[in-house]
């Protein structure tokens, strides 16, 4: 079965380039399309993902949109460019846009305690955080991503009205730490402030104005359109469809949007053009400013230099093709789907990649698409040198760190430090600024924040672990 799937991809189960008559849509394939086609098909074969859709925006226009591989390994249905896929945490930029729209019209105070809107939280510590802190992952809340849960649009309020102070792992406002519950709560605050259901608010204020008629949070709507199934695959196991279909209405705001690569491309076009699309204003400039302003430092965020978290976007700069580029980006992952939206606003260029399986090939697809669209050659970032930790650095690091049930310990061992988690021990080295890495072949890479002579937080990916007493 595995061989048959890869043979189908290698043959180029590639849907025809999407041609849409609406202004701003791709009208013909660029000359470089065959090169990118080859790269995408190779990435699918390596990652074992059944299919992908890719859209490329350049100079503010959609120049490329194509589907590859299979939407369903059982029916052998080919992936088409305009198929819907779940986009995971890419959803967060849509929740952020909706809230920015409400704030711009004075319907919500992003800095007010959320108990002003969720009155059942009055008198609880959890009600003292602001919607701004929730949207920037700085509320001090733990993370969990619950793929299956309650259904029906009332579920968001049913869950969020009952949350308690156990959500905290550190004080609000202290640090960035990725938290899906905080975005879900922000969505509920928006629902109350906007006096409409969350999905309706996002549709009316974001999706429909920008021209995204198929994008939806509602599975029973999405499944009436061509929809790609999510798949799981391992190194030695073929892709299989995720069953039952993933659904948890209480976390829609954090990661459950259905969308297509071309429709997401339209959203990037509006953002990068300061709220204008097809010669019409779809978002006030103030909404774009609120959405794309970096508010909270995000250590190591998306590989960017000086990364900051905005409202559902990571913003910063990176060395790309021999120059420093400003970047707005966010990725997403949810049972059987992976997504990536990457914008270079100063170039009016963006790449959207959606995959209905493992996402390990996405970075390579994105880099090649940018290289081709910008007609340039990549220049690799120099590898970060590592060294032994000094005695002072070791003294700063030794301790126990936790976020919810995840606990790690940094200990002295054999003249150096080791990181211990779940019974496994990894020797540590110093990497770049505020960075520790595992001694090869380990893949551990964490950032640190020092306060009062001790490391106060370890950052593993986008999650913070706080030093324990």
Protein backbone atom coordinates (compact mmCIF):
# COMPACT_ATOMS: atom_id res chain seq x y z
CA UNK A 1 0.00 0.00 0.00
CA UNK A 2 2.84 2.32 0.87
CA UNK A 3 4.50 1.78 -2.52
CA UNK A 4 1.23 2.43 -4.35
CA UNK A 5 0.66 5.71 -2.53
CA UNK A 6 4.12 7.01 -3.30
CA UNK A 7 3.88 5.88 -6.90
CA UNK A 8 0.68 7.91 -7.23
CA UNK A 9 2.48 10.98 -5.94
CA UNK A 10 5.53 10.37 -8.09
CA UNK A 11 3.36 10.12 -11.19
CA UNK A 12 2.28 13.66 -10.34
CA UNK A 13 -1.27 13.37 -9.10
CA UNK A 14 -1.22 17.12 -9.53
CA UNK A 15 -4.47 18.98 -10.01
CA UNK A 16 -4.68 21.61 -12.70
CA UNK A 17 -3.62 25.08 -11.64
CA UNK A 18 -6.54 26.86 -10.05
CA UNK A 19 -7.84 29.53 -12.39
CA UNK A 20 -10.35 31.90 -10.85
CA UNK A 21 -11.87 34.89 -12.62
CA UNK A 22 -12.03 37.05 -9.50
CA UNK A 23 -9.59 39.98 -9.39
CA UNK A 24 -6.29 39.16 -7.76
CA UNK A 25 -6.46 35.46 -8.55
CA UNK A 26 -3.87 33.45 -10.47
CA UNK A 27 -4.53 33.45 -14.23
CA UNK A 28 -1.73 31.27 -15.60
CA UNK A 29 1.07 29.07 -14.31
CA UNK A 30 4.43 30.83 -13.87
CA UNK A 31 7.42 29.54 -15.79
CA UNK A 32 8.92 28.13 -12.60
CA UNK A 33 5.86 26.02 -11.74
CA UNK A 34 7.39 22.67 -12.90
CA UNK A 35 10.36 23.20 -10.57
CA UNK A 36 8.12 23.76 -7.56
CA UNK A 37 5.92 20.84 -8.62
CA UNK A 38 8.97 18.59 -8.46
CA UNK A 39 9.96 19.87 -5.03
CA UNK A 40 6.46 19.40 -3.60
CA UNK A 41 6.10 15.87 -4.95
CA UNK A 42 9.52 14.95 -3.54
CA UNK A 43 8.58 16.43 -0.15
CA UNK A 44 5.40 14.36 -0.05
CA UNK A 45 7.30 11.18 -0.87
CA UNK A 46 9.81 11.85 1.92
CA UNK A 47 7.34 12.97 4.57
CA UNK A 48 4.77 10.26 3.69
CA UNK A 49 2.00 12.87 3.55
CA UNK A 50 -0.67 11.86 1.01
CA UNK A 51 -1.24 15.33 -0.41
CA UNK A 52 -0.71 19.08 -0.24
CA UNK A 53 -2.00 22.36 -1.59
CA UNK A 54 0.32 25.31 -2.18
CA UNK A 55 -0.45 28.93 -3.02
CA UNK A 56 2.13 31.62 -3.79
CA UNK A 57 1.51 35.37 -3.69
CA UNK A 58 4.02 37.73 -5.31
CA UNK A 59 3.78 41.50 -5.73
CA UNK A 60 0.38 41.32 -4.08
CA UNK A 61 -1.10 38.87 -6.63
CA UNK A 62 -1.86 35.18 -6.43
CA UNK A 63 0.54 33.73 -9.01
CA UNK A 64 0.33 30.03 -8.19
CA UNK A 65 -2.17 27.62 -6.60
CA UNK A 66 -2.01 23.88 -7.04
CA UNK A 67 -3.01 20.63 -5.40
CA UNK A 68 -0.78 17.56 -5.22
CA UNK A 69 -1.18 13.91 -4.34
CA UNK A 70 -4.25 12.46 -2.71
CA UNK A 71 -7.03 13.94 -0.63
CA UNK A 72 -8.02 10.46 0.58
CA UNK A 73 -5.81 7.37 0.46
CA UNK A 74 -8.82 5.04 0.50
CA UNK A 75 -10.88 6.53 -2.33
CA UNK A 76 -7.74 7.71 -4.21
CA UNK A 77 -9.41 11.08 -4.71
CA UNK A 78 -6.82 13.54 -6.07
CA UNK A 79 -6.07 16.70 -4.12
CA UNK A 80 -7.26 19.86 -5.87
CA UNK A 81 -6.06 23.39 -5.30
CA UNK A 82 -9.27 24.65 -3.73
CA UNK A 83 -9.91 21.75 -1.34
CA UNK A 84 -10.61 22.53 2.29
CA UNK A 85 -8.23 21.30 5.00
CA UNK A 86 -8.12 21.97 8.70
CA UNK A 87 -5.40 24.58 9.29
CA UNK A 88 -4.71 24.11 13.02
CA UNK A 89 -3.20 27.11 14.77
CA UNK A 90 -3.22 29.24 11.62
CA UNK A 91 -6.75 29.78 12.95
CA UNK A 92 -5.34 32.07 15.63
CA UNK A 93 -4.70 34.92 13.20
CA UNK A 94 -8.41 34.88 12.31
CA UNK A 95 -9.43 34.97 15.97
CA UNK A 96 -6.99 37.85 16.39
CA UNK A 97 -8.42 39.74 13.41
CA UNK A 98 -11.95 39.38 14.73
CA UNK A 99 -10.91 40.74 18.14
CA UNK A 100 -8.90 43.57 16.55
CA UNK A 101 -12.02 44.51 14.59
CA UNK A 102 -14.14 44.62 17.76
CA UNK A 103 -11.45 46.64 19.55
CA UNK A 104 -11.15 49.12 16.69
CA UNK A 105 -14.90 49.77 16.92
CA UNK A 106 -14.79 50.15 20.71
CA UNK A 107 -16.81 47.00 21.39
CA UNK A 108 -14.08 45.40 23.50
CA UNK A 109 -11.30 46.70 25.73
CA UNK A 110 -8.39 44.34 25.11
CA UNK A 111 -6.70 45.50 28.32
CA UNK A 112 -9.66 44.99 30.65
CA UNK A 113 -9.99 41.95 32.94
CA UNK A 114 -11.93 39.26 31.14
CA UNK A 115 -14.31 39.02 34.10
CA UNK A 116 -15.88 42.22 32.70
CA UNK A 117 -17.26 40.01 29.92
CA UNK A 118 -17.22 36.51 31.46
CA UNK A 119 -18.98 37.47 34.66
CA UNK A 120 -18.87 33.94 36.08
CA UNK A 121 -15.10 34.47 36.52
CA UNK A 122 -15.50 37.49 38.81
CA UNK A 123 -13.58 36.97 42.04
CA UNK A 124 -11.32 34.34 40.53
CA UNK A 125 -7.67 34.91 39.69
CA UNK A 126 -8.34 33.47 36.24
CA UNK A 127 -10.74 36.34 35.58
CA UNK A 128 -8.09 39.01 36.18
CA UNK A 129 -6.15 38.41 32.95
CA UNK A 130 -6.83 40.57 29.91
CA UNK A 131 -7.87 39.55 26.42
CA UNK A 132 -4.62 41.11 25.22
CA UNK A 133 -2.67 38.75 27.48
CA UNK A 134 -4.72 35.80 26.24
CA UNK A 135 -4.12 36.63 22.56
CA UNK A 136 -0.36 37.12 23.13
CA UNK A 137 0.10 33.93 25.18
CA UNK A 138 1.25 36.00 28.15
CA UNK A 139 -1.57 35.21 30.59
CA UNK A 140 0.53 32.60 32.43
CA UNK A 141 -1.81 29.77 31.44
CA UNK A 142 -0.80 26.18 30.75
CA UNK A 143 -1.24 24.65 27.32
CA UNK A 144 -3.40 21.78 26.23
CA UNK A 145 -4.85 20.98 22.84
CA UNK A 146 -7.90 18.77 23.11
CA UNK A 147 -8.73 17.27 19.73
CA UNK A 148 -12.06 15.73 20.76
CA UNK A 149 -14.65 17.36 22.97
CA UNK A 150 -18.08 18.91 23.13
CA UNK A 151 -19.96 19.76 19.96
CA UNK A 152 -22.46 22.49 19.26
CA UNK A 153 -21.75 26.21 19.30
CA UNK A 154 -22.78 26.55 22.93
CA UNK A 155 -19.82 24.39 23.96
CA UNK A 156 -17.38 27.32 23.91
CA UNK A 157 -19.30 29.15 26.65
CA UNK A 158 -20.10 25.97 28.57
CA UNK A 159 -16.39 25.21 28.96
CA UNK A 160 -15.00 28.73 29.36
CA UNK A 161 -17.49 29.85 32.00
CA UNK A 162 -16.25 27.05 34.26
CA UNK A 163 -12.46 27.41 34.03
CA UNK A 164 -10.50 27.72 37.26
CA UNK A 165 -7.25 29.06 38.64
CA UNK A 166 -5.47 25.76 37.98
CA UNK A 167 -4.84 27.10 34.46
CA UNK A 168 -1.96 29.20 35.81
CA UNK A 169 1.60 27.91 35.84
CA UNK A 170 3.15 31.38 36.30
CA UNK A 171 1.96 34.93 36.91
CA UNK A 172 0.17 36.79 34.13
CA UNK A 173 2.36 39.18 32.18
CA UNK A 174 5.64 37.48 33.13
CA UNK A 175 6.46 35.66 29.90
CA UNK A 176 5.29 34.25 26.59
CA UNK A 177 4.14 30.65 26.70
CA UNK A 178 1.95 29.13 24.03
CA UNK A 179 -1.51 28.28 25.34
CA UNK A 180 -4.43 27.01 23.30
CA UNK A 181 -6.91 27.50 26.17
CA UNK A 182 -6.01 31.19 26.31
CA UNK A 183 -6.97 31.65 22.64
CA UNK A 184 -10.17 29.70 23.15
CA UNK A 185 -11.04 32.02 26.03
CA UNK A 186 -10.21 35.06 23.90
CA UNK A 187 -12.65 33.75 21.30
CA UNK A 188 -15.35 33.45 23.95
CA UNK A 189 -14.69 36.97 25.21
CA UNK A 190 -15.12 38.14 21.62
CA UNK A 191 -18.39 36.22 21.40
CA UNK A 192 -19.73 38.03 24.45
CA UNK A 193 -18.40 41.46 23.45
CA UNK A 194 -19.67 41.10 19.89
CA UNK A 195 -23.01 39.60 20.97
CA UNK A 196 -22.86 36.84 18.35
CA UNK A 197 -21.53 33.31 18.16
CA UNK A 198 -17.78 33.10 17.64
CA UNK A 199 -17.98 31.49 14.18
CA UNK A 200 -20.50 34.07 12.99
CA UNK A 201 -18.29 36.94 14.16
CA UNK A 202 -15.25 35.58 12.32
CA UNK A 203 -17.30 34.94 9.17
CA UNK A 204 -18.87 38.41 9.17
CA UNK A 205 -15.80 40.40 10.17
CA UNK A 206 -13.00 38.45 8.48
CA UNK A 207 -13.85 35.60 6.11
CA UNK A 208 -16.59 37.17 4.00
CA UNK A 209 -15.05 40.66 3.67
CA UNK A 210 -11.79 39.18 2.38
CA UNK A 211 -13.52 36.82 -0.06
CA UNK A 212 -13.20 33.43 1.64
CA UNK A 213 -16.65 31.92 0.94
CA UNK A 214 -15.70 28.28 1.62
CA UNK A 215 -13.72 28.79 4.82
CA UNK A 216 -15.68 27.81 7.91
CA UNK A 217 -15.44 26.42 11.41
CA UNK A 218 -18.46 24.19 10.93
CA UNK A 219 -17.73 20.59 9.85
CA UNK A 220 -21.24 20.06 8.52
CA UNK A 221 -20.70 23.02 6.19
CA UNK A 222 -17.12 22.12 5.26
CA UNK A 223 -18.03 18.58 4.30
CA UNK A 224 -20.50 19.84 1.68
CA UNK A 225 -17.46 21.18 -0.22
CA UNK A 226 -14.46 19.21 -1.53
CA UNK A 227 -12.55 18.40 1.68
CA UNK A 228 -9.30 16.52 2.15
CA UNK A 229 -9.19 13.95 4.94
CA UNK A 230 -6.48 14.16 7.61
CA UNK A 231 -3.96 11.32 7.73
CA UNK A 232 -1.41 9.98 10.20
CA UNK A 233 1.72 8.17 9.04
CA UNK A 234 4.89 6.89 10.66
CA UNK A 235 8.36 6.09 9.43
CA UNK A 236 7.34 2.48 8.85
CA UNK A 237 3.57 2.79 8.55
CA UNK A 238 1.53 3.97 5.56
CA UNK A 239 -0.85 6.95 5.84
CA UNK A 240 -4.21 6.15 7.41
CA UNK A 241 -7.25 8.39 7.73
CA UNK A 242 -7.88 9.90 11.16
CA UNK A 243 -11.12 8.47 12.53
CA UNK A 244 -13.34 9.70 14.00
CA UNK A 245 -13.14 13.13 12.41
CA UNK A 246 -11.55 15.58 14.85
CA UNK A 247 -13.98 18.01 16.49
CA UNK A 248 -14.07 20.08 19.69
CA UNK A 249 -16.21 23.18 19.36
CA UNK A 250 -14.87 24.58 22.64
CA UNK A 251 -11.46 25.03 20.99
CA UNK A 252 -12.57 26.31 17.57
CA UNK A 253 -10.88 29.66 18.20
CA UNK A 254 -7.50 28.04 18.79
CA UNK A 255 -7.19 25.71 15.83
CA UNK A 256 -10.24 24.32 14.03
CA UNK A 257 -10.77 26.50 10.95
CA UNK A 258 -11.29 24.80 7.57
CA UNK A 259 -9.76 26.74 4.69
CA UNK A 260 -8.01 26.37 1.34
CA UNK A 261 -4.63 27.61 0.15
CA UNK A 262 -6.11 30.14 -2.33
CA UNK A 263 -8.51 31.57 0.25
CA UNK A 264 -5.72 31.89 2.82
CA UNK A 265 -3.66 33.59 0.11
CA UNK A 266 -6.37 36.25 -0.22
CA UNK A 267 -6.11 36.90 3.51
CA UNK A 268 -2.34 37.40 3.25
CA UNK A 269 -2.84 39.78 0.34
CA UNK A 270 -5.20 41.93 2.42
CA UNK A 271 -2.81 41.95 5.40
CA UNK A 272 0.26 42.84 3.37
CA UNK A 273 -1.64 45.60 1.54
CA UNK A 274 -2.66 47.33 4.78
CA UNK A 275 -6.24 46.10 4.62
CA UNK A 276 -6.99 46.66 0.93
CA UNK A 277 -7.83 43.93 -1.56
CA UNK A 278 -9.15 44.08 -5.11
CA UNK A 279 -9.00 47.89 -4.97
CA UNK A 280 -11.37 47.96 -1.99
CA UNK A 281 -10.79 48.35 1.74
CA UNK A 282 -11.73 45.15 3.56
CA UNK A 283 -10.11 45.93 6.94
CA UNK A 284 -9.52 49.31 8.59
CA UNK A 285 -5.83 50.17 8.87
CA UNK A 286 -6.17 50.10 12.65
CA UNK A 287 -7.18 46.43 12.53
CA UNK A 288 -4.04 45.56 10.55
CA UNK A 289 -1.89 47.56 12.95
CA UNK A 290 -3.35 45.82 16.00
CA UNK A 291 -3.05 42.40 14.37
CA UNK A 292 0.57 42.68 13.18
CA UNK A 293 2.19 44.62 16.04
CA UNK A 294 4.64 42.50 18.03
CA UNK A 295 3.71 42.75 21.71
CA UNK A 296 5.55 40.01 23.60
CA UNK A 297 9.06 38.59 23.02
CA UNK A 298 8.84 35.04 21.65
CA UNK A 299 12.17 33.27 22.30
CA UNK A 300 13.20 31.35 19.20
CA UNK A 301 9.85 31.99 17.55
CA UNK A 302 9.59 30.35 14.12
CA UNK A 303 13.36 30.67 13.73
CA UNK A 304 13.11 34.46 13.44
CA UNK A 305 15.49 37.03 14.88
CA UNK A 306 13.95 39.19 17.63
CA UNK A 307 10.66 37.33 17.25
CA UNK A 308 7.59 38.88 18.86
CA UNK A 309 4.07 37.53 19.19
CA UNK A 310 1.26 39.66 17.81
CA UNK A 311 -2.43 38.64 17.69
CA UNK A 312 -2.10 35.16 16.19
CA UNK A 313 1.06 35.98 14.26
CA UNK A 314 4.77 35.63 14.94
CA UNK A 315 6.52 38.75 13.66
CA UNK A 316 10.22 39.44 13.32
CA UNK A 317 13.08 39.36 10.86
CA UNK A 318 15.19 36.64 9.32
CA UNK A 319 18.23 36.37 7.07
CA UNK A 320 16.88 35.20 3.73
CA UNK A 321 18.53 35.23 0.31
CA UNK A 322 21.34 37.48 1.49
CA UNK A 323 19.22 40.18 3.13
CA UNK A 324 17.23 40.77 6.29
CA UNK A 325 13.55 40.24 5.65
CA UNK A 326 10.56 41.23 7.77
CA UNK A 327 8.32 38.20 8.33
CA UNK A 328 4.76 37.58 9.53
CA UNK A 329 4.04 33.89 10.01
CA UNK A 330 2.20 31.16 11.86
CA UNK A 331 2.01 27.41 11.51
CA UNK A 332 -0.62 24.94 12.54
CA UNK A 333 -1.07 21.25 13.28
CA UNK A 334 -4.16 19.27 14.18
CA UNK A 335 -4.85 15.53 13.94
CA UNK A 336 -3.75 14.57 10.43
CA UNK A 337 -3.22 18.09 9.07
CA UNK A 338 -0.31 20.56 9.00
CA UNK A 339 -0.33 24.15 7.74
CA UNK A 340 2.06 27.05 7.24
CA UNK A 341 1.43 30.69 6.29
CA UNK A 342 4.58 32.73 5.68
CA UNK A 343 4.52 36.38 4.60
CA UNK A 344 7.24 38.84 3.55
CA UNK A 345 5.18 42.03 3.80
CA UNK A 346 7.84 44.35 2.40
CA UNK A 347 7.95 42.17 -0.73
CA UNK A 348 4.17 41.60 -0.89
CA UNK A 349 5.07 37.92 -1.13
CA UNK A 350 3.59 34.95 0.73
CA UNK A 351 3.56 31.16 0.64
CA UNK A 352 0.67 29.07 1.97
CA UNK A 353 1.25 25.33 2.38
CA UNK A 354 -1.44 22.92 3.60
CA UNK A 355 -0.76 19.19 4.05
CA UNK A 356 -3.16 16.39 4.93
CA UNK A 357 -0.50 14.37 6.74
CA UNK A 358 2.94 14.79 8.32
CA UNK A 359 4.34 18.29 7.82
CA UNK A 360 8.08 17.62 7.75
CA UNK A 361 8.33 18.70 4.10
CA UNK A 362 6.70 22.11 4.55
CA UNK A 363 9.85 24.13 5.28
CA UNK A 364 11.54 22.93 2.10
CA UNK A 365 8.46 23.70 0.01
CA UNK A 366 8.24 27.20 1.48
CA UNK A 367 11.91 28.00 0.89
CA UNK A 368 11.85 26.82 -2.73
CA UNK A 369 8.61 28.70 -3.43
CA UNK A 370 10.11 31.93 -2.06
CA UNK A 371 13.32 31.39 -4.02
CA UNK A 372 11.40 30.90 -7.26
CA UNK A 373 8.93 33.73 -6.73
CA UNK A 374 11.68 36.19 -5.82
CA UNK A 375 14.02 34.88 -8.55
CA UNK A 376 16.92 34.58 -6.16
CA UNK A 377 19.24 31.98 -4.68
CA UNK A 378 19.13 30.90 -1.02
CA UNK A 379 22.08 31.57 1.21
CA UNK A 380 22.14 29.28 4.19
CA UNK A 381 22.23 30.63 7.72
CA UNK A 382 25.59 29.83 9.32
CA UNK A 383 25.44 26.98 11.79
CA UNK A 384 25.43 28.02 15.44
CA UNK A 385 28.66 27.09 17.21
CA UNK A 386 28.37 25.20 20.49
CA UNK A 387 30.70 25.11 23.49
CA UNK A 388 30.87 23.77 27.01
CA UNK A 389 28.89 25.66 29.63
CA UNK A 390 30.90 27.77 32.06
CA UNK A 391 30.64 27.24 35.81
CA UNK A 392 28.59 30.43 36.11
CA UNK A 393 26.19 29.31 33.37
CA UNK A 394 25.81 25.92 35.01
CA UNK A 395 24.97 27.56 38.34
CA UNK A 396 22.29 29.68 36.65
CA UNK A 397 20.65 26.66 35.03
CA UNK A 398 20.57 23.97 37.70
CA UNK A 399 17.00 23.47 38.90
CA UNK A 400 13.58 22.04 38.26
CA UNK A 401 11.21 23.56 35.68
CA UNK A 402 7.56 22.82 34.96
CA UNK A 403 4.47 23.79 33.00
CA UNK A 404 1.45 21.79 34.03
CA UNK A 405 2.35 18.12 34.06
CA UNK A 406 5.49 18.59 32.01
CA UNK A 407 8.53 18.65 34.30
CA UNK A 408 12.22 18.76 33.42
CA UNK A 409 15.27 18.96 35.67
CA UNK A 410 18.73 20.32 34.92
CA UNK A 411 21.42 18.61 37.01
CA UNK A 412 25.17 18.60 37.43
CA UNK A 413 26.71 15.39 36.08
CA UNK A 414 30.28 14.43 35.18
CA UNK A 415 31.58 17.97 35.14
CA UNK A 416 28.72 19.32 33.02
CA UNK A 417 24.95 19.62 32.94
CA UNK A 418 22.29 17.17 31.84
CA UNK A 419 18.61 17.72 31.16
CA UNK A 420 16.45 14.98 32.65
CA UNK A 421 12.89 14.30 31.51
CA UNK A 422 10.79 11.15 31.77
CA UNK A 423 13.84 9.15 32.85
CA UNK A 424 15.95 10.23 29.88
CA UNK A 425 19.14 12.27 30.31
CA UNK A 426 20.69 14.58 27.67
CA UNK A 427 24.10 16.31 28.12
CA UNK A 428 23.85 20.06 27.49
CA UNK A 429 26.03 22.56 25.66
CA UNK A 430 25.81 26.30 25.18
CA UNK A 431 24.47 27.34 21.76
CA UNK A 432 23.74 30.87 20.61
CA UNK A 433 22.59 33.76 22.77
CA UNK A 434 20.38 32.53 25.64
CA UNK A 435 20.33 29.05 24.11
CA UNK A 436 21.22 25.56 25.32
CA UNK A 437 21.38 22.52 23.05
CA UNK A 438 21.76 18.80 23.50
CA UNK A 439 25.11 17.26 22.74
CA UNK A 440 24.90 15.48 19.35
CA UNK A 441 23.07 13.36 18.35
CA UNK A 442 20.40 14.77 20.70
CA UNK A 443 17.99 17.30 19.19
CA UNK A 444 17.24 19.31 22.34
CA UNK A 445 17.27 23.08 21.73
CA UNK A 446 15.94 25.45 24.40
CA UNK A 447 16.15 29.15 25.13
CA UNK A 448 16.63 30.63 28.59
CA UNK A 449 15.67 33.75 30.50
CA UNK A 450 17.76 34.85 33.46
CA UNK A 451 16.27 36.78 36.40
CA UNK A 452 18.15 37.62 39.60
CA UNK A 453 21.11 35.46 38.66
CA UNK A 454 19.09 32.32 37.90
CA UNK A 455 17.33 30.99 34.83
CA UNK A 456 13.67 31.73 35.51
CA UNK A 457 12.23 30.12 32.38
CA UNK A 458 13.25 27.46 29.89
CA UNK A 459 11.58 27.78 26.49
CA UNK A 460 10.98 24.52 24.65
CA UNK A 461 9.59 25.40 21.25
CA UNK A 462 6.82 27.87 22.02
CA UNK A 463 6.15 26.67 25.57
CA UNK A 464 7.75 28.07 28.70
CA UNK A 465 8.67 26.02 31.74
CA UNK A 466 8.93 28.01 34.96
CA UNK A 467 11.59 27.45 37.62
CA UNK A 468 10.12 25.68 40.61
CA UNK A 469 10.91 26.64 44.23
